[in-house]
Amino acid sequence: MIIINKLKPNCVVGKTTAGSVRMILKEGLSNEIIDYLRSPESEVDYFDIEFGNWSDLERLLEFKNKINKLSVSEELTDWSVISKFTELKKLTIDAKFKNCNIDFSKLKKLKHMQTYWNDSYDKYLKGNKTLKTLFITNYQGENMSLLGDMENLQYLELYRSRKLKSLQGIEKIKNLNFFEANGCSKLTDVSALTSLKKLKALSLSNCTKNNDYEILKQLRVIDEMYLGGELNSLKWITSIKTLTRLKFDCKLVNGDLSFLYDMPELKHVRFNNKRNYTVKIADIQSYLEDKGYDQKEFRRTSAAFYDGYN
């Protein structure tokens, strides 16, 4: 970030690489900060609220029509104030807080959100119908029902959601085309994914239960898949005719990977060699290179959650 200005008590204004003008607020507001925001020179469109006393956060609502990005990493006296920043397109809640009663149904322009699962989300979050991307750390549901239908959501990532056992309920998020579950150590039932008709990229990583993912062979438009954990075999993957990119980090009972040579649509594969694997990564990548598929380029262009920000 290129620093533009510094204000008292502890405030920095700077231009981000993405072109936003970001104001980092620490230790509360001051008249100097408010005067700067009112001035013609202010182009601030991004508030970053860090440590301090935020009992007077409503003072910033004077500038709500200019603010489309907001990041909060400190407890607020009244979280409902966030619901009044109606021009927000991106919201980050960077920790777990109490009484986080944001009415997301009022944020009708909100497209992107990165958050810890917070109190009251089970009541309010499903009320939002505009989100396109959603990243949640420590989601508290045993299934996906707490998210409701979220009809416009396309990218969803769950991180360290250690209560999650089943993906039942995800079938209601009908426009989802990217899903990642990372570090969801109790997750065993992924069958609901087969109801998602637009799912093109899937990552199930660091989900350490002994999973049976064979049900995923019913996915009909999936293009890219990453699997981790303990599995009997991966041979069932040959049933997925649309798969072009495959990455896995699995402890396999049956390490026969010869089927990789019999997948005509496969263009890129990544894995770490293991003792019982019958195919070496260098050999299969060389085979794909000979077919005209640049493995470094395919790795660079792999699907990622933040593609949804484009």
Protein backbone atom coordinates (compact mmCIF):
# COMPACT_ATOMS: atom_id res chain seq x y z
CA MET A 1 0.00 0.00 0.00
CA ILE A 2 1.31 3.46 -0.94
CA ILE A 3 0.83 5.87 1.97
CA ILE A 4 -1.13 9.03 1.09
CA ASN A 5 -1.73 10.57 4.52
CA LYS A 6 -1.41 10.02 8.28
CA LEU A 7 -3.96 11.34 10.75
CA LYS A 8 -4.32 11.39 14.54
CA PRO A 9 -4.79 9.46 16.76
CA ASN A 10 -3.51 6.50 14.73
CA CYS A 11 -4.83 6.46 11.19
CA VAL A 12 -3.16 5.76 7.86
CA VAL A 13 -4.59 6.38 4.39
CA GLY A 14 -3.08 4.63 1.40
CA LYS A 15 -3.70 3.34 -2.10
CA THR A 16 -3.84 -0.43 -2.53
CA THR A 17 -2.48 -2.39 -5.48
CA ALA A 18 -6.10 -3.01 -6.52
CA GLY A 19 -6.71 0.75 -6.78
CA SER A 20 -8.81 1.25 -3.63
CA VAL A 21 -8.07 4.07 -1.18
CA ARG A 22 -7.91 2.39 2.22
CA MET A 23 -8.19 4.05 5.60
CA ILE A 24 -6.74 1.98 8.45
CA LEU A 25 -8.39 3.10 11.68
CA LYS A 26 -6.86 2.34 15.08
CA GLU A 27 -7.61 3.66 18.57
CA GLY A 28 -10.90 5.26 17.57
CA LEU A 29 -12.11 8.27 15.57
CA SER A 30 -11.13 11.91 15.85
CA ASN A 31 -12.39 15.20 14.41
CA GLU A 32 -9.26 15.28 12.26
CA ILE A 33 -10.27 11.98 10.63
CA ILE A 34 -13.85 13.12 10.05
CA ASP A 35 -12.68 16.45 8.58
CA TYR A 36 -10.36 14.62 6.20
CA LEU A 37 -13.16 12.35 5.02
CA ARG A 38 -15.30 15.42 4.36
CA SER A 39 -12.57 17.14 2.39
CA PRO A 40 -12.45 17.14 -1.45
CA GLU A 41 -9.08 15.37 -1.39
CA SER A 42 -10.53 12.25 0.27
CA GLU A 43 -11.14 9.34 -2.10
CA VAL A 44 -11.45 6.74 0.66
CA ASP A 45 -13.65 3.79 -0.37
CA TYR A 46 -12.31 1.17 2.06
CA PHE A 47 -12.45 1.27 5.89
CA ASP A 48 -10.19 -1.09 7.86
CA ILE A 49 -11.26 -1.04 11.52
CA GLU A 50 -8.62 -2.38 13.88
CA PHE A 51 -8.03 -2.11 17.64
CA GLY A 52 -9.65 0.70 19.58
CA ASN A 53 -12.93 1.94 21.04
CA TRP A 54 -15.67 1.89 18.40
CA SER A 55 -18.68 3.09 20.39
CA ASP A 56 -19.01 6.00 17.92
CA LEU A 57 -18.77 4.01 14.68
CA GLU A 58 -22.05 5.57 13.50
CA ARG A 59 -20.06 8.75 12.76
CA LEU A 60 -18.72 6.96 9.68
CA LEU A 61 -22.23 6.49 8.25
CA GLU A 62 -21.98 10.03 6.91
CA PHE A 63 -19.68 8.52 4.26
CA LYS A 64 -21.52 5.26 3.64
CA ASN A 65 -22.30 6.09 0.00
CA LYS A 66 -18.56 6.13 -0.77
CA ILE A 67 -17.58 2.98 1.11
CA ASN A 68 -17.73 -0.32 -0.78
CA LYS A 69 -15.17 -2.30 1.26
CA LEU A 70 -15.04 -2.82 5.01
CA SER A 71 -12.75 -4.91 7.20
CA VAL A 72 -13.28 -5.36 10.96
CA SER A 73 -10.79 -7.04 13.30
CA GLU A 74 -11.95 -5.55 16.63
CA GLU A 75 -15.08 -5.97 18.76
CA LEU A 76 -17.75 -3.37 18.02
CA THR A 77 -20.14 -1.90 20.56
CA ASP A 78 -23.04 -2.23 18.12
CA TRP A 79 -22.58 -4.61 15.20
CA SER A 80 -25.96 -3.69 13.70
CA VAL A 81 -24.33 -0.46 12.43
CA ILE A 82 -22.63 -2.54 9.72
CA SER A 83 -26.08 -3.25 8.24
CA LYS A 84 -26.38 0.46 7.42
CA PHE A 85 -23.35 0.53 5.10
CA THR A 86 -25.65 -0.29 2.22
CA GLU A 87 -23.08 0.30 -0.57
CA LEU A 88 -20.77 -2.46 0.67
CA LYS A 89 -19.56 -4.92 -1.94
CA LYS A 90 -16.86 -6.60 0.15
CA LEU A 91 -16.88 -7.36 3.89
CA THR A 92 -14.22 -9.01 6.05
CA ILE A 93 -14.84 -10.01 9.68
CA ASP A 94 -11.39 -11.05 10.83
CA ALA A 95 -12.10 -12.82 14.15
CA LYS A 96 -14.84 -14.46 16.22
CA PHE A 97 -16.96 -11.95 18.13
CA LYS A 98 -20.03 -11.93 20.37
CA ASN A 99 -23.40 -10.42 19.43
CA CYS A 100 -22.45 -10.02 15.78
CA ASN A 101 -26.03 -9.12 14.79
CA ILE A 102 -25.45 -7.85 11.26
CA ASP A 103 -28.65 -7.96 9.20
CA PHE A 104 -27.18 -9.21 5.92
CA SER A 105 -30.53 -8.93 4.15
CA LYS A 106 -30.03 -5.13 4.14
CA LEU A 107 -26.66 -5.37 2.39
CA LYS A 108 -28.15 -5.74 -1.07
CA LYS A 109 -24.93 -4.94 -2.94
CA LEU A 110 -22.68 -7.27 -0.94
CA LYS A 111 -20.85 -9.66 -3.29
CA HIS A 112 -17.81 -10.91 -1.38
CA MET A 113 -17.41 -11.88 2.26
CA GLN A 114 -14.60 -13.43 4.30
CA THR A 115 -15.43 -14.16 7.92
CA TYR A 116 -15.15 -16.26 11.03
CA TRP A 117 -18.45 -17.87 11.98
CA ASN A 118 -19.96 -15.51 14.55
CA ASP A 119 -22.88 -15.38 16.94
CA SER A 120 -26.21 -14.68 15.20
CA TYR A 121 -24.99 -15.82 11.76
CA ASP A 122 -27.33 -18.80 11.98
CA LYS A 123 -30.17 -16.25 12.11
CA TYR A 124 -28.97 -13.48 9.81
CA LEU A 125 -26.51 -14.75 7.21
CA LYS A 126 -28.94 -16.87 5.23
CA GLY A 127 -30.99 -13.70 4.66
CA ASN A 128 -28.46 -12.46 2.12
CA LYS A 129 -29.31 -13.24 -1.51
CA THR A 130 -26.54 -11.27 -3.27
CA LEU A 131 -23.28 -12.91 -2.14
CA LYS A 132 -21.15 -14.37 -4.91
CA THR A 133 -18.14 -15.50 -2.83
CA LEU A 134 -18.09 -16.61 0.81
CA PHE A 135 -15.12 -17.80 2.88
CA ILE A 136 -15.96 -19.04 6.40
CA THR A 137 -13.53 -20.09 9.13
CA ASN A 138 -14.92 -22.28 11.93
CA TYR A 139 -18.42 -22.81 10.51
CA GLN A 140 -20.43 -24.26 13.40
CA GLY A 141 -23.04 -26.42 11.68
CA GLU A 142 -22.94 -30.23 11.48
CA ASN A 143 -24.42 -29.87 7.99
CA MET A 144 -24.91 -27.00 5.56
CA SER A 145 -28.47 -26.02 6.52
CA LEU A 146 -27.35 -22.86 8.38
CA LEU A 147 -26.55 -21.19 5.05
CA GLY A 148 -30.01 -21.57 3.54
CA ASP A 149 -30.29 -21.33 -0.26
CA MET A 150 -28.03 -18.27 -0.97
CA GLU A 151 -29.20 -18.36 -4.57
CA ASN A 152 -26.40 -16.27 -6.11
CA LEU A 153 -23.45 -17.86 -4.30
CA GLN A 154 -20.89 -19.27 -6.74
CA TYR A 155 -17.72 -19.66 -4.64
CA LEU A 156 -17.76 -21.19 -1.14
CA GLU A 157 -14.84 -22.18 1.06
CA LEU A 158 -15.02 -23.64 4.57
CA TYR A 159 -11.85 -23.68 6.67
CA ARG A 160 -11.35 -25.61 9.90
CA SER A 161 -15.05 -26.27 10.33
CA ARG A 162 -14.51 -29.05 12.82
CA LYS A 163 -18.16 -29.73 13.65
CA LEU A 164 -19.10 -30.34 10.02
CA LYS A 165 -20.05 -33.98 9.38
CA SER A 166 -22.23 -33.79 6.28
CA LEU A 167 -22.72 -31.49 3.30
CA GLN A 168 -26.49 -32.05 3.32
CA GLY A 169 -28.12 -28.71 2.58
CA ILE A 170 -25.49 -27.55 0.08
CA GLU A 171 -27.76 -28.75 -2.72
CA LYS A 172 -29.90 -25.63 -2.07
CA ILE A 173 -27.01 -23.40 -3.22
CA LYS A 174 -27.86 -24.25 -6.80
CA ASN A 175 -25.46 -21.89 -8.59
CA LEU A 176 -22.34 -23.04 -6.76
CA ASN A 177 -19.48 -23.75 -9.16
CA PHE A 178 -16.50 -23.79 -6.73
CA PHE A 179 -16.47 -25.51 -3.32
CA GLU A 180 -13.59 -26.14 -0.95
CA ALA A 181 -13.57 -27.78 2.47
CA ASN A 182 -10.18 -27.54 4.19
CA GLY A 183 -9.43 -28.98 7.63
CA CYS A 184 -12.99 -30.22 8.23
CA SER A 185 -11.82 -33.20 10.27
CA LYS A 186 -15.24 -34.82 10.90
CA LEU A 187 -16.59 -34.53 7.36
CA THR A 188 -17.64 -37.92 5.98
CA ASP A 189 -20.83 -37.40 3.94
CA VAL A 190 -20.27 -35.51 0.68
CA SER A 191 -23.15 -37.05 -1.27
CA ALA A 192 -25.10 -33.77 -1.50
CA LEU A 193 -22.46 -32.43 -3.90
CA THR A 194 -23.85 -34.69 -6.62
CA SER A 195 -27.01 -32.55 -6.70
CA LEU A 196 -25.06 -29.44 -7.75
CA LYS A 197 -25.52 -29.16 -11.52
CA LYS A 198 -23.03 -26.28 -11.99
CA LEU A 199 -20.14 -27.47 -9.78
CA LYS A 200 -16.94 -27.25 -11.84
CA ALA A 201 -14.18 -27.17 -9.21
CA LEU A 202 -14.01 -29.13 -5.95
CA SER A 203 -11.36 -29.32 -3.23
CA LEU A 204 -11.60 -31.60 -0.19
CA SER A 205 -8.28 -31.17 1.61
CA ASN A 206 -7.05 -32.04 5.10
CA CYS A 207 -10.36 -33.75 5.89
CA THR A 208 -8.75 -36.61 7.76
CA LYS A 209 -11.65 -39.02 8.27
CA ASN A 210 -11.56 -42.24 6.26
CA ASN A 211 -13.81 -40.97 3.50
CA ASP A 212 -15.57 -42.82 0.71
CA TYR A 213 -15.65 -40.30 -2.11
CA GLU A 214 -16.76 -42.75 -4.79
CA ILE A 215 -20.20 -41.12 -4.80
CA LEU A 216 -18.48 -38.17 -6.54
CA LYS A 217 -18.28 -40.14 -9.77
CA GLN A 218 -21.85 -38.92 -10.30
CA LEU A 219 -20.62 -35.35 -10.82
CA ARG A 220 -21.41 -34.48 -14.41
CA VAL A 221 -19.74 -31.12 -15.18
CA ILE A 222 -16.76 -31.15 -12.80
CA ASP A 223 -13.56 -29.94 -14.48
CA GLU A 224 -11.10 -29.79 -11.57
CA MET A 225 -10.77 -31.83 -8.38
CA TYR A 226 -8.43 -31.98 -5.39
CA LEU A 227 -8.78 -34.80 -2.89
CA GLY A 228 -7.00 -35.49 0.40
CA GLY A 229 -7.36 -38.02 3.19
CA GLU A 230 -7.44 -41.80 3.47
CA LEU A 231 -9.11 -43.62 0.59
CA ASN A 232 -9.33 -47.19 -0.65
CA SER A 233 -8.77 -46.31 -4.29
CA LEU A 234 -9.06 -43.54 -6.86
CA LYS A 235 -9.95 -45.73 -9.83
CA TRP A 236 -13.58 -44.58 -9.69
CA ILE A 237 -12.39 -41.19 -11.01
CA THR A 238 -12.29 -42.68 -14.53
CA SER A 239 -16.11 -42.46 -14.50
CA ILE A 240 -15.91 -38.65 -14.49
CA LYS A 241 -15.66 -37.89 -18.20
CA THR A 242 -15.42 -34.09 -17.82
CA LEU A 243 -12.42 -34.03 -15.45
CA THR A 244 -9.36 -32.31 -16.95
CA ARG A 245 -7.36 -31.41 -13.81
CA LEU A 246 -6.69 -33.70 -10.85
CA LYS A 247 -4.67 -33.13 -7.70
CA PHE A 248 -4.57 -35.49 -4.74
CA ASP A 249 -2.66 -36.05 -1.51
CA CYS A 250 -4.09 -39.33 -0.32
CA LYS A 251 -3.12 -42.37 1.67
CA LEU A 252 -4.42 -45.06 -0.67
CA VAL A 253 -5.02 -48.68 0.28
CA ASN A 254 -4.85 -49.54 -3.43
CA GLY A 255 -2.06 -47.45 -4.92
CA ASP A 256 -2.70 -48.49 -8.53
CA LEU A 257 -2.66 -45.27 -10.57
CA SER A 258 -2.30 -46.82 -14.02
CA PHE A 259 -5.84 -45.62 -14.81
CA LEU A 260 -4.42 -42.08 -15.21
CA TYR A 261 -3.17 -43.11 -18.64
CA ASP A 262 -6.71 -44.15 -19.63
CA MET A 263 -8.38 -40.78 -19.02
CA PRO A 264 -8.50 -39.10 -22.46
CA GLU A 265 -9.75 -35.74 -21.11
CA LEU A 266 -7.06 -35.45 -18.41
CA LYS A 267 -4.73 -32.51 -19.05
CA HIS A 268 -3.04 -31.91 -15.70
CA VAL A 269 -2.27 -34.01 -12.63
CA ARG A 270 -0.39 -33.34 -9.39
CA PHE A 271 0.49 -35.57 -6.46
CA ASN A 272 3.44 -36.46 -4.24
CA ASN A 273 5.04 -39.83 -4.90
CA LYS A 274 4.28 -42.51 -2.32
CA ARG A 275 5.75 -45.96 -1.84
CA ASN A 276 2.69 -47.90 -2.97
CA TYR A 277 1.80 -45.67 -5.92
CA THR A 278 2.36 -47.51 -9.21
CA VAL A 279 2.88 -44.30 -11.20
CA LYS A 280 5.50 -41.60 -10.63
CA ILE A 281 4.47 -37.96 -10.95
CA ALA A 282 7.34 -37.21 -13.35
CA ASP A 283 6.22 -39.99 -15.70
CA ILE A 284 2.55 -39.03 -15.93
CA GLN A 285 3.36 -35.33 -16.29
CA SER A 286 5.85 -36.13 -19.04
CA TYR A 287 3.13 -38.16 -20.78
CA LEU A 288 0.73 -35.21 -20.59
CA GLU A 289 3.43 -32.81 -21.79
CA ASP A 290 3.94 -35.02 -24.84
CA LYS A 291 0.22 -34.64 -25.56
CA GLY A 292 0.69 -30.86 -25.64
CA TYR A 293 -0.42 -29.94 -22.11
CA ASP A 294 2.02 -27.56 -20.39
CA GLN A 295 1.94 -28.73 -16.76
CA LYS A 296 3.41 -25.51 -15.32
CA GLU A 297 0.81 -23.42 -17.14
CA PHE A 298 -2.06 -25.63 -15.98
CA ARG A 299 -0.79 -25.40 -12.41
CA ARG A 300 -0.63 -21.61 -12.65
CA THR A 301 -4.20 -21.37 -13.91
CA SER A 302 -5.81 -23.80 -11.45
CA ALA A 303 -9.14 -22.68 -10.00
CA ALA A 304 -8.99 -20.73 -6.74
CA PHE A 305 -11.53 -19.20 -4.40
CA TYR A 306 -10.38 -15.65 -5.18
CA ASP A 307 -11.23 -16.12 -8.86
CA GLY A 308 -14.71 -15.14 -7.68
CA TYR A 309 -13.48 -11.59 -7.00
CA ASN A 310 -12.97 -10.97 -10.71
